[in-house]
Amino acid sequence: MLTTGDYLSAYVLEWTLHHLDLIAHLTGTTEPPAESLARTRAMLEQIAGAPFPGTWSDADALLIGTGRRAPSAAERTALGRLAPRLPLILG
């Protein structure tokens, strides 16, 4: 059974990621609201079973966590044991 809360959480996750997709190659655009980025990051960390590095922005955690951007060597090192499990497939 899908609760209303679960449905709305999935909606926030999907639209936050799609918003990032839409602005990826545009200049002068704004990111999704900070609250949406933070909530989506928390959901992705729950799916991953581990937190992303705290020094990363929410947008970077989402982009790297879902394979929308490849991590740099330093970012891959910061991921530690989580690195081989990425990208997370949210299908």
Protein backbone atom coordinates (compact mmCIF):
# COMPACT_ATOMS: atom_id res chain seq x y z
CA MET A 1 0.00 0.00 0.00
CA LEU A 2 1.33 3.42 -0.93
CA THR A 3 0.55 6.07 1.63
CA THR A 4 -0.06 9.71 0.79
CA GLY A 5 3.24 10.58 2.49
CA ASP A 6 5.13 8.01 0.41
CA TYR A 7 3.53 9.31 -2.77
CA LEU A 8 4.42 12.90 -1.99
CA SER A 9 7.98 11.93 -1.03
CA ALA A 10 8.44 10.12 -4.33
CA TYR A 11 7.05 13.16 -6.12
CA VAL A 12 9.58 15.45 -4.38
CA LEU A 13 12.43 13.07 -5.25
CA GLU A 14 11.46 12.76 -8.92
CA TRP A 15 10.82 16.44 -9.53
CA THR A 16 13.96 17.55 -7.71
CA LEU A 17 16.10 15.23 -9.83
CA HIS A 18 14.29 16.26 -13.03
CA HIS A 19 14.73 19.93 -12.14
CA LEU A 20 18.48 19.31 -11.84
CA ASP A 21 18.38 17.53 -15.21
CA LEU A 22 16.61 20.43 -16.87
CA ILE A 23 19.06 23.07 -15.65
CA ALA A 24 22.23 21.00 -16.08
CA HIS A 25 23.41 22.82 -19.20
CA LEU A 26 21.74 26.18 -18.72
CA THR A 27 23.22 29.34 -17.27
CA GLY A 28 21.39 31.82 -15.12
CA THR A 29 18.93 29.30 -13.72
CA THR A 30 18.08 28.52 -10.14
CA GLU A 31 18.39 25.18 -8.41
CA PRO A 32 15.43 23.46 -6.82
CA PRO A 33 14.45 24.86 -3.41
CA ALA A 34 16.91 24.06 -0.61
CA GLU A 35 14.24 22.12 1.27
CA SER A 36 13.62 19.88 -1.75
CA LEU A 37 17.33 19.25 -2.25
CA ALA A 38 17.82 18.39 1.43
CA ARG A 39 14.80 16.07 1.57
CA THR A 40 15.80 14.32 -1.66
CA ARG A 41 19.35 13.86 -0.37
CA ALA A 42 18.00 12.33 2.84
CA MET A 43 15.84 9.91 0.83
CA LEU A 44 18.77 8.96 -1.41
CA GLU A 45 20.98 8.36 1.63
CA GLN A 46 18.25 6.14 3.08
CA ILE A 47 18.12 4.17 -0.19
CA ALA A 48 21.93 3.92 -0.22
CA GLY A 49 22.05 2.88 3.42
CA ALA A 50 24.87 5.36 4.04
CA PRO A 51 25.36 9.12 4.07
CA PHE A 52 27.17 11.02 1.37
CA PRO A 53 30.12 13.13 2.53
CA GLY A 54 28.89 16.02 4.66
CA THR A 55 31.11 18.49 2.82
CA TRP A 56 29.19 17.92 -0.41
CA SER A 57 26.32 20.12 -1.44
CA ASP A 58 22.95 18.43 -1.65
CA ALA A 59 22.95 18.92 -5.43
CA ASP A 60 26.38 17.27 -5.81
CA ALA A 61 25.30 14.33 -3.65
CA LEU A 62 22.21 13.85 -5.83
CA LEU A 63 24.03 14.23 -9.12
CA ILE A 64 26.81 11.82 -8.16
CA GLY A 65 24.54 9.42 -6.29
CA THR A 66 22.27 8.95 -9.30
CA GLY A 67 25.04 8.89 -11.92
CA ARG A 68 24.15 12.24 -13.46
CA ARG A 69 27.72 13.37 -12.81
CA ALA A 70 30.84 11.26 -12.38
CA PRO A 71 32.74 11.81 -9.15
CA SER A 72 36.24 13.24 -9.28
CA ALA A 73 39.05 11.12 -7.87
CA ALA A 74 38.87 13.01 -4.57
CA GLU A 75 35.09 12.62 -4.43
CA ARG A 76 35.38 8.90 -5.11
CA THR A 77 37.88 8.60 -2.26
CA ALA A 78 35.53 10.54 0.04
CA LEU A 79 32.74 8.08 -0.78
CA GLY A 80 34.75 5.20 0.64
CA ARG A 81 32.83 1.91 0.66
CA LEU A 82 29.81 3.56 -0.93
CA ALA A 83 31.67 4.32 -4.19
CA PRO A 84 31.32 0.87 -5.81
CA ARG A 85 27.58 0.88 -5.17
CA LEU A 86 26.99 4.01 -7.24
CA PRO A 87 25.12 5.07 -9.20
CA LEU A 88 21.94 4.15 -7.42
CA ILE A 89 19.19 2.96 -9.74
CA LEU A 90 15.83 4.41 -8.74
CA GLY A 91 13.55 2.41 -10.96
